């Protein structure tokens, strides 16, 4: 009887400890108007979903996408368009930039500061529909994992299957 009680208590404690450690699993969201999917950390929630804007927020990060329908911009020109748009945002201390491509999307990003926040700002071309959009991911500069997570988010952009 004593052993059975110990087993029940030990089992209950083990289940409780496992339940209290929820893994940080990524979650995929869809911007249905443009057949775009994006994978973000599990704590992100949609705060706005309209024809032209898609916003999300998570712990210590915010994401904002908006359509920029200038069909004349190609994947080859998205770097210049992104840099020009970043200048209008008045990003300071731009210290990183690069290209990325995944599935049917090509893009260019710059990383800098605005109002004390770190911002990764990217211009993206949907190679199938030629729809262009910008994405801005804002996070705390002291968060060492946020920059890696922001790149991972950009690389996750795809078409809804």
N, C-alpha and C. Protein backbone atom coordinates (compact mmCIF):
# COMPACT_ATOMS: atom_id res chain seq x y z
N UNK A 1 0.82 -1.18 0.00
CA UNK A 1 0.00 0.00 0.00
C UNK A 1 0.88 1.26 0.00
N UNK A 2 1.95 1.24 0.84
CA UNK A 2 2.85 2.37 0.91
C UNK A 2 3.54 2.59 -0.44
N UNK A 3 3.95 1.48 -1.06
CA UNK A 3 4.62 1.58 -2.36
C UNK A 3 3.68 2.12 -3.43
N UNK A 4 2.41 1.72 -3.37
CA UNK A 4 1.42 2.20 -4.34
C UNK A 4 1.21 3.70 -4.18
N UNK A 5 1.14 4.18 -2.96
CA UNK A 5 0.97 5.60 -2.71
C UNK A 5 2.19 6.38 -3.20
N UNK A 6 3.38 5.87 -2.94
CA UNK A 6 4.61 6.53 -3.42
C UNK A 6 4.61 6.59 -4.95
N UNK A 7 4.18 5.51 -5.59
CA UNK A 7 4.14 5.47 -7.05
C UNK A 7 3.16 6.52 -7.59
N UNK A 8 2.01 6.62 -6.97
CA UNK A 8 1.00 7.59 -7.41
C UNK A 8 1.51 9.01 -7.22
N UNK A 9 2.14 9.30 -6.08
CA UNK A 9 2.67 10.64 -5.81
C UNK A 9 3.81 10.96 -6.78
N UNK A 10 4.72 10.01 -6.99
CA UNK A 10 5.84 10.23 -7.91
C UNK A 10 5.33 10.45 -9.33
N UNK A 11 4.34 9.68 -9.74
CA UNK A 11 3.76 9.83 -11.08
C UNK A 11 3.11 11.20 -11.24
N UNK A 12 2.36 11.61 -10.21
CA UNK A 12 1.69 12.91 -10.25
C UNK A 12 2.71 14.04 -10.33
N UNK A 13 3.78 13.95 -9.54
CA UNK A 13 4.83 14.98 -9.57
C UNK A 13 5.51 15.03 -10.94
N UNK A 14 5.76 13.88 -11.51
CA UNK A 14 6.41 13.84 -12.82
C UNK A 14 5.49 14.45 -13.88
N UNK A 15 4.22 14.12 -13.87
CA UNK A 15 3.28 14.71 -14.83
C UNK A 15 3.16 16.21 -14.64
N UNK A 16 3.14 16.66 -13.39
CA UNK A 16 3.06 18.09 -13.11
C UNK A 16 4.29 18.80 -13.65
N UNK A 17 5.47 18.23 -13.42
CA UNK A 17 6.69 18.90 -13.89
C UNK A 17 6.76 18.92 -15.40
N UNK A 18 6.30 17.87 -16.07
CA UNK A 18 6.29 17.87 -17.53
C UNK A 18 5.29 18.87 -18.08
N UNK A 19 4.17 19.00 -17.43
CA UNK A 19 3.13 19.93 -17.89
C UNK A 19 3.56 21.37 -17.71
N UNK A 20 4.40 21.65 -16.75
CA UNK A 20 4.80 23.03 -16.50
C UNK A 20 5.91 23.50 -17.43
N UNK A 21 6.51 22.61 -18.19
CA UNK A 21 7.53 22.98 -19.17
C UNK A 21 6.97 22.82 -20.56
N UNK A 22 6.28 23.84 -21.05
CA UNK A 22 5.71 23.81 -22.38
C UNK A 22 6.79 24.20 -23.38
N UNK A 23 7.05 23.38 -24.37
CA UNK A 23 8.09 23.73 -25.33
C UNK A 23 7.69 24.95 -26.15
N UNK A 24 8.67 25.75 -26.55
CA UNK A 24 8.43 26.93 -27.36
C UNK A 24 8.37 26.50 -28.82
N UNK A 25 7.21 26.03 -29.23
CA UNK A 25 7.00 25.52 -30.57
C UNK A 25 6.55 26.67 -31.46
N UNK A 26 7.07 26.70 -32.68
CA UNK A 26 6.65 27.72 -33.62
C UNK A 26 5.24 27.43 -34.14
N UNK A 27 4.57 28.49 -34.58
CA UNK A 27 3.21 28.36 -35.08
C UNK A 27 3.13 29.09 -36.43
N UNK A 28 2.39 28.52 -37.35
CA UNK A 28 2.23 29.11 -38.67
C UNK A 28 0.90 29.84 -38.76
N UNK A 29 0.96 31.07 -39.27
CA UNK A 29 -0.22 31.89 -39.48
C UNK A 29 -0.36 32.16 -40.98
N UNK A 30 -1.56 32.53 -41.39
CA UNK A 30 -1.83 32.76 -42.80
C UNK A 30 -2.42 34.14 -43.03
N UNK A 31 -1.92 34.80 -44.05
CA UNK A 31 -2.52 36.04 -44.53
C UNK A 31 -3.27 35.63 -45.78
N UNK A 32 -4.53 35.27 -45.58
CA UNK A 32 -5.32 34.64 -46.63
C UNK A 32 -5.49 35.50 -47.87
N UNK A 33 -5.55 36.82 -47.72
CA UNK A 33 -5.74 37.69 -48.87
C UNK A 33 -4.65 37.51 -49.93
N UNK A 34 -3.46 37.07 -49.50
CA UNK A 34 -2.34 36.94 -50.43
C UNK A 34 -1.74 35.54 -50.45
N UNK A 35 -2.43 34.58 -49.82
CA UNK A 35 -1.97 33.20 -49.80
C UNK A 35 -0.55 33.09 -49.22
N UNK A 36 -0.27 33.89 -48.21
CA UNK A 36 1.05 33.92 -47.59
C UNK A 36 0.98 33.26 -46.22
N UNK A 37 1.96 32.40 -45.96
CA UNK A 37 2.07 31.83 -44.62
C UNK A 37 3.39 32.30 -44.01
N UNK A 38 3.38 32.42 -42.70
CA UNK A 38 4.57 32.86 -41.98
C UNK A 38 4.61 32.11 -40.65
N UNK A 39 5.79 31.64 -40.30
CA UNK A 39 5.95 30.89 -39.06
C UNK A 39 6.67 31.77 -38.04
N UNK A 40 6.06 31.88 -36.87
CA UNK A 40 6.56 32.75 -35.81
C UNK A 40 6.57 31.97 -34.50
N UNK A 41 7.22 32.52 -33.47
CA UNK A 41 7.18 31.85 -32.15
C UNK A 41 5.74 31.67 -31.67
N UNK A 42 5.54 30.68 -30.87
CA UNK A 42 4.22 30.28 -30.40
C UNK A 42 3.47 31.38 -29.64
N UNK A 43 4.19 32.32 -29.04
CA UNK A 43 3.52 33.34 -28.24
C UNK A 43 2.98 34.51 -29.09
N UNK A 44 3.20 34.49 -30.39
CA UNK A 44 2.70 35.56 -31.25
C UNK A 44 1.19 35.44 -31.41
N UNK A 45 0.54 36.60 -31.48
CA UNK A 45 -0.90 36.68 -31.71
C UNK A 45 -1.14 37.74 -32.78
N UNK A 46 -2.13 37.51 -33.64
CA UNK A 46 -2.50 38.48 -34.66
C UNK A 46 -3.18 39.66 -33.99
N UNK A 47 -2.72 40.87 -34.31
CA UNK A 47 -3.35 42.07 -33.78
C UNK A 47 -4.09 42.85 -34.86
N UNK A 48 -3.77 42.57 -36.15
CA UNK A 48 -4.47 43.24 -37.25
C UNK A 48 -4.32 42.37 -38.50
N UNK A 49 -5.42 42.19 -39.22
CA UNK A 49 -5.41 41.40 -40.45
C UNK A 49 -6.40 42.04 -41.41
N UNK A 50 -5.89 42.91 -42.30
CA UNK A 50 -6.72 43.58 -43.28
C UNK A 50 -6.19 43.28 -44.68
N UNK A 51 -6.80 43.87 -45.68
CA UNK A 51 -6.38 43.67 -47.07
C UNK A 51 -4.95 44.15 -47.30
N UNK A 52 -4.52 45.19 -46.60
CA UNK A 52 -3.20 45.77 -46.84
C UNK A 52 -2.20 45.61 -45.70
N UNK A 53 -2.66 45.21 -44.52
CA UNK A 53 -1.77 45.13 -43.36
C UNK A 53 -2.00 43.84 -42.58
N UNK A 54 -0.92 43.33 -42.04
CA UNK A 54 -0.97 42.13 -41.20
C UNK A 54 0.01 42.35 -40.07
N UNK A 55 -0.50 42.41 -38.84
CA UNK A 55 0.34 42.69 -37.67
C UNK A 55 0.24 41.56 -36.66
N UNK A 56 1.36 41.32 -35.98
CA UNK A 56 1.41 40.32 -34.92
C UNK A 56 2.32 40.84 -33.82
N UNK A 57 2.11 40.32 -32.62
CA UNK A 57 2.97 40.68 -31.50
C UNK A 57 3.20 39.44 -30.64
N UNK A 58 4.40 39.36 -30.12
CA UNK A 58 4.77 38.30 -29.20
C UNK A 58 5.58 38.90 -28.08
N UNK A 59 6.07 38.07 -27.21
CA UNK A 59 6.85 38.57 -26.09
C UNK A 59 8.15 39.19 -26.59
N UNK A 60 8.25 40.51 -26.50
CA UNK A 60 9.47 41.22 -26.87
C UNK A 60 9.67 41.43 -28.36
N UNK A 61 8.70 41.04 -29.19
CA UNK A 61 8.82 41.22 -30.63
C UNK A 61 7.48 41.65 -31.22
N UNK A 62 7.56 42.46 -32.26
CA UNK A 62 6.37 42.83 -33.03
C UNK A 62 6.70 42.66 -34.51
N UNK A 63 5.68 42.31 -35.27
CA UNK A 63 5.85 42.08 -36.70
C UNK A 63 4.75 42.83 -37.43
N UNK A 64 5.14 43.51 -38.52
CA UNK A 64 4.19 44.28 -39.31
C UNK A 64 4.48 44.05 -40.78
N UNK A 65 3.48 43.57 -41.53
CA UNK A 65 3.63 43.39 -42.98
C UNK A 65 2.60 44.28 -43.66
N UNK A 66 3.01 44.90 -44.77
CA UNK A 66 2.04 45.66 -45.54
C UNK A 66 2.37 45.56 -47.02
N UNK A 67 1.32 45.53 -47.81
CA UNK A 67 1.42 45.35 -49.25
C UNK A 67 1.93 46.64 -49.89
N UNK A 68 2.78 46.45 -50.84
CA UNK A 68 3.36 47.56 -51.59
C UNK A 68 3.29 47.14 -53.05
N UNK A 69 2.15 47.33 -53.66
CA UNK A 69 1.88 46.81 -55.01
C UNK A 69 2.48 47.66 -56.10
N UNK A 70 3.74 47.58 -56.24
CA UNK A 70 4.40 48.23 -57.38
C UNK A 70 4.97 47.10 -58.23
N UNK A 71 4.20 46.69 -59.19
CA UNK A 71 4.56 45.52 -60.00
C UNK A 71 5.88 45.71 -60.75
N UNK A 72 6.34 46.95 -60.86
CA UNK A 72 7.58 47.20 -61.59
C UNK A 72 8.81 46.75 -60.82
N UNK A 73 8.67 46.53 -59.51
CA UNK A 73 9.83 46.11 -58.70
C UNK A 73 10.03 44.61 -58.88
N UNK A 74 11.21 44.24 -59.29
CA UNK A 74 11.53 42.83 -59.48
C UNK A 74 12.42 42.37 -58.33
N UNK A 75 12.68 41.09 -58.30
CA UNK A 75 13.57 40.54 -57.27
C UNK A 75 14.96 41.17 -57.40
N UNK A 76 15.36 41.51 -58.62
CA UNK A 76 16.68 42.12 -58.83
C UNK A 76 16.75 43.54 -58.27
N UNK A 77 15.59 44.20 -58.17
CA UNK A 77 15.56 45.59 -57.71
C UNK A 77 15.07 45.76 -56.28
N UNK A 78 14.74 44.67 -55.61
CA UNK A 78 14.14 44.80 -54.28
C UNK A 78 15.14 45.36 -53.26
N UNK A 79 16.44 45.15 -53.48
CA UNK A 79 17.43 45.70 -52.55
C UNK A 79 17.40 47.23 -52.56
N UNK A 80 17.39 47.85 -53.74
CA UNK A 80 17.33 49.31 -53.82
C UNK A 80 16.02 49.86 -53.24
N UNK A 81 14.92 49.17 -53.53
CA UNK A 81 13.62 49.61 -53.01
C UNK A 81 13.59 49.52 -51.49
N UNK A 82 14.17 48.46 -50.94
CA UNK A 82 14.19 48.28 -49.48
C UNK A 82 15.05 49.35 -48.81
N UNK A 83 16.22 49.62 -49.38
CA UNK A 83 17.11 50.65 -48.82
C UNK A 83 16.43 52.01 -48.87
N UNK A 84 15.75 52.33 -49.97
CA UNK A 84 15.05 53.61 -50.09
C UNK A 84 13.93 53.71 -49.05
N UNK A 85 13.18 52.63 -48.87
CA UNK A 85 12.09 52.65 -47.88
C UNK A 85 12.65 52.76 -46.47
N UNK A 86 13.77 52.09 -46.19
CA UNK A 86 14.40 52.17 -44.87
C UNK A 86 14.86 53.59 -44.58
N UNK A 87 15.31 54.29 -45.60
CA UNK A 87 15.73 55.68 -45.42
C UNK A 87 14.53 56.56 -45.07
N UNK A 88 13.37 56.28 -45.66
CA UNK A 88 12.19 57.09 -45.33
C UNK A 88 11.72 56.81 -43.90
N UNK A 89 12.02 55.61 -43.41
CA UNK A 89 11.70 55.28 -42.01
C UNK A 89 12.69 55.92 -41.04
N UNK A 90 13.79 56.43 -41.58
CA UNK A 90 14.86 57.07 -40.81
C UNK A 90 15.49 56.10 -39.81
N UNK A 91 15.77 54.88 -40.31
CA UNK A 91 16.52 53.93 -39.48
C UNK A 91 17.92 54.47 -39.26
N UNK A 92 18.43 54.31 -38.07
CA UNK A 92 19.79 54.74 -37.77
C UNK A 92 20.66 53.51 -37.53
N UNK A 93 21.95 53.72 -37.59
CA UNK A 93 22.94 52.67 -37.32
C UNK A 93 22.64 51.37 -38.08
N UNK A 94 22.35 51.50 -39.36
CA UNK A 94 22.11 50.30 -40.16
C UNK A 94 23.42 49.54 -40.23
N UNK A 95 23.44 48.36 -39.59
CA UNK A 95 24.70 47.64 -39.47
C UNK A 95 24.67 46.22 -40.04
N UNK A 96 23.57 45.86 -40.66
CA UNK A 96 23.49 44.54 -41.26
C UNK A 96 22.51 44.60 -42.41
N UNK A 97 22.78 43.84 -43.45
CA UNK A 97 21.87 43.75 -44.58
C UNK A 97 22.18 42.47 -45.32
N UNK A 98 21.19 42.01 -46.07
CA UNK A 98 21.42 40.79 -46.81
C UNK A 98 20.21 40.38 -47.63
N UNK A 99 20.41 39.37 -48.44
CA UNK A 99 19.35 38.84 -49.28
C UNK A 99 18.86 37.52 -48.70
N UNK A 100 17.66 37.14 -49.08
CA UNK A 100 17.15 35.82 -48.72
C UNK A 100 16.19 35.39 -49.81
N UNK A 101 16.07 34.10 -49.97
CA UNK A 101 15.15 33.54 -50.95
C UNK A 101 14.65 32.21 -50.42
N UNK A 102 13.36 32.00 -50.55
CA UNK A 102 12.78 30.74 -50.13
C UNK A 102 11.50 30.52 -50.91
N UNK A 103 11.26 29.29 -51.27
CA UNK A 103 10.09 28.94 -52.07
C UNK A 103 9.95 29.91 -53.24
N UNK A 104 8.86 30.62 -53.24
CA UNK A 104 8.58 31.55 -54.34
C UNK A 104 8.72 33.00 -53.92
N UNK A 105 9.56 33.27 -52.94
CA UNK A 105 9.76 34.62 -52.45
C UNK A 105 11.24 34.98 -52.47
N UNK A 106 11.52 36.23 -52.81
CA UNK A 106 12.88 36.75 -52.76
C UNK A 106 12.83 38.07 -52.01
N UNK A 107 13.86 38.35 -51.24
CA UNK A 107 13.82 39.58 -50.47
C UNK A 107 15.18 40.11 -50.09
N UNK A 108 15.14 41.28 -49.53
CA UNK A 108 16.34 41.97 -49.07
C UNK A 108 16.00 42.62 -47.74
N UNK A 109 16.91 42.55 -46.78
CA UNK A 109 16.63 43.16 -45.48
C UNK A 109 17.77 44.07 -45.04
N UNK A 110 17.42 45.04 -44.22
CA UNK A 110 18.39 45.88 -43.52
C UNK A 110 18.03 45.82 -42.05
N UNK A 111 19.04 46.04 -41.23
CA UNK A 111 18.81 46.01 -39.79
C UNK A 111 19.42 47.26 -39.17
N UNK A 112 18.60 47.95 -38.38
CA UNK A 112 19.07 49.17 -37.74
C UNK A 112 18.23 49.50 -36.52
N UNK A 113 18.20 50.77 -36.16
CA UNK A 113 17.48 51.23 -34.98
C UNK A 113 16.49 52.32 -35.34
N UNK A 114 15.41 52.37 -34.56
CA UNK A 114 14.45 53.47 -34.62
C UNK A 114 13.80 53.59 -33.24
N UNK A 115 13.86 54.78 -32.69
CA UNK A 115 13.25 55.06 -31.39
C UNK A 115 13.71 54.08 -30.31
N UNK A 116 14.98 53.69 -30.36
CA UNK A 116 15.55 52.82 -29.33
C UNK A 116 15.33 51.34 -29.54
N UNK A 117 14.55 50.97 -30.55
CA UNK A 117 14.29 49.55 -30.83
C UNK A 117 15.12 49.09 -32.01
N UNK A 118 15.48 47.84 -31.99
CA UNK A 118 16.16 47.20 -33.12
C UNK A 118 15.08 46.84 -34.13
N UNK A 119 15.33 47.10 -35.41
CA UNK A 119 14.35 46.80 -36.45
C UNK A 119 15.03 46.05 -37.58
N UNK A 120 14.42 44.94 -37.96
CA UNK A 120 14.80 44.24 -39.18
C UNK A 120 13.70 44.58 -40.17
N UNK A 121 14.09 45.24 -41.25
CA UNK A 121 13.13 45.71 -42.25
C UNK A 121 13.46 45.06 -43.58
N UNK A 122 12.46 44.41 -44.19
CA UNK A 122 12.70 43.68 -45.43
C UNK A 122 11.68 44.00 -46.49
N UNK A 123 12.15 44.07 -47.72
CA UNK A 123 11.29 44.15 -48.89
C UNK A 123 11.23 42.77 -49.51
N UNK A 124 10.03 42.33 -49.88
CA UNK A 124 9.86 40.97 -50.37
C UNK A 124 9.03 40.98 -51.65
N UNK A 125 9.44 40.14 -52.60
CA UNK A 125 8.71 39.98 -53.85
C UNK A 125 8.18 38.55 -53.90
N UNK A 126 6.88 38.43 -54.12
CA UNK A 126 6.27 37.13 -54.36
C UNK A 126 6.51 36.84 -55.84
N UNK A 127 7.37 35.89 -56.14
CA UNK A 127 7.77 35.62 -57.51
C UNK A 127 6.64 35.03 -58.35
N UNK A 128 5.63 34.47 -57.72
CA UNK A 128 4.48 33.92 -58.46
C UNK A 128 3.52 35.03 -58.88
N UNK A 129 3.12 35.86 -57.92
CA UNK A 129 2.08 36.86 -58.20
C UNK A 129 2.65 38.24 -58.47
N UNK A 130 3.94 38.42 -58.22
CA UNK A 130 4.62 39.71 -58.35
C UNK A 130 4.07 40.74 -57.36
N UNK A 131 3.41 40.27 -56.30
CA UNK A 131 2.97 41.15 -55.23
C UNK A 131 4.21 41.48 -54.39
N UNK A 132 4.37 42.74 -54.07
CA UNK A 132 5.48 43.18 -53.24
C UNK A 132 4.95 43.57 -51.87
N UNK A 133 5.73 43.27 -50.85
CA UNK A 133 5.34 43.73 -49.52
C UNK A 133 6.58 43.96 -48.67
N UNK A 134 6.38 44.77 -47.64
CA UNK A 134 7.44 45.03 -46.68
C UNK A 134 7.07 44.34 -45.38
N UNK A 135 8.08 43.95 -44.65
CA UNK A 135 7.88 43.38 -43.33
C UNK A 135 8.87 44.06 -42.38
N UNK A 136 8.36 44.42 -41.24
CA UNK A 136 9.18 45.06 -40.20
C UNK A 136 9.07 44.22 -38.94
N UNK A 137 10.21 43.81 -38.40
CA UNK A 137 10.23 43.04 -37.16
C UNK A 137 11.01 43.87 -36.14
N UNK A 138 10.35 44.23 -35.06
CA UNK A 138 10.94 45.08 -34.04
C UNK A 138 11.21 44.26 -32.79
N UNK A 139 12.39 44.48 -32.18
CA UNK A 139 12.76 43.74 -30.98
C UNK A 139 13.80 44.51 -30.18
N UNK A 140 14.03 44.09 -28.97
CA UNK A 140 15.00 44.71 -28.07
C UNK A 140 16.41 44.32 -28.50
N UNK A 141 17.29 45.29 -28.62
CA UNK A 141 18.66 45.04 -29.06
C UNK A 141 19.42 44.12 -28.11
N UNK A 142 19.04 44.09 -26.86
CA UNK A 142 19.75 43.27 -25.87
C UNK A 142 19.31 41.80 -25.90
N UNK A 143 18.27 41.50 -26.66
CA UNK A 143 17.77 40.14 -26.78
C UNK A 143 18.59 39.42 -27.85
N UNK A 144 19.54 38.60 -27.42
CA UNK A 144 20.46 37.95 -28.34
C UNK A 144 19.78 36.94 -29.26
N UNK A 145 18.70 36.37 -28.83
CA UNK A 145 17.99 35.37 -29.65
C UNK A 145 17.04 36.02 -30.66
N UNK A 146 16.64 37.25 -30.41
CA UNK A 146 15.62 37.89 -31.26
C UNK A 146 16.10 38.07 -32.70
N UNK A 147 17.36 38.44 -32.89
CA UNK A 147 17.86 38.62 -34.25
C UNK A 147 17.81 37.30 -35.02
N UNK A 148 18.23 36.22 -34.38
CA UNK A 148 18.16 34.90 -35.02
C UNK A 148 16.72 34.52 -35.34
N UNK A 149 15.85 34.83 -34.41
CA UNK A 149 14.42 34.52 -34.59
C UNK A 149 13.85 35.34 -35.75
N UNK A 150 14.26 36.61 -35.87
CA UNK A 150 13.77 37.46 -36.95
C UNK A 150 14.19 36.91 -38.32
N UNK A 151 15.43 36.48 -38.44
CA UNK A 151 15.90 35.87 -39.69
C UNK A 151 15.11 34.60 -39.98
N UNK A 152 14.88 33.81 -38.96
CA UNK A 152 14.10 32.57 -39.11
C UNK A 152 12.68 32.88 -39.60
N UNK A 153 12.09 33.94 -39.09
CA UNK A 153 10.75 34.36 -39.51
C UNK A 153 10.77 34.72 -41.00
N UNK A 154 11.75 35.53 -41.41
CA UNK A 154 11.84 35.92 -42.82
C UNK A 154 11.98 34.69 -43.72
N UNK A 155 12.81 33.77 -43.30
CA UNK A 155 13.05 32.57 -44.11
C UNK A 155 11.85 31.62 -44.13
N UNK A 156 10.91 31.83 -43.22
CA UNK A 156 9.74 30.95 -43.15
C UNK A 156 8.62 31.35 -44.11
N UNK A 157 8.69 32.53 -44.67
CA UNK A 157 7.61 33.03 -45.52
C UNK A 157 7.43 32.12 -46.72
N UNK A 158 6.20 31.72 -46.94
CA UNK A 158 5.90 30.83 -48.05
C UNK A 158 4.46 31.00 -48.49
N UNK A 159 4.04 30.15 -49.42
CA UNK A 159 2.65 30.14 -49.86
C UNK A 159 1.87 29.12 -49.06
N UNK A 160 0.65 29.46 -48.77
CA UNK A 160 -0.24 28.54 -48.09
C UNK A 160 -0.49 27.35 -49.01
N UNK A 161 -0.29 26.17 -48.48
CA UNK A 161 -0.45 24.96 -49.31
C UNK A 161 -1.90 24.62 -49.54
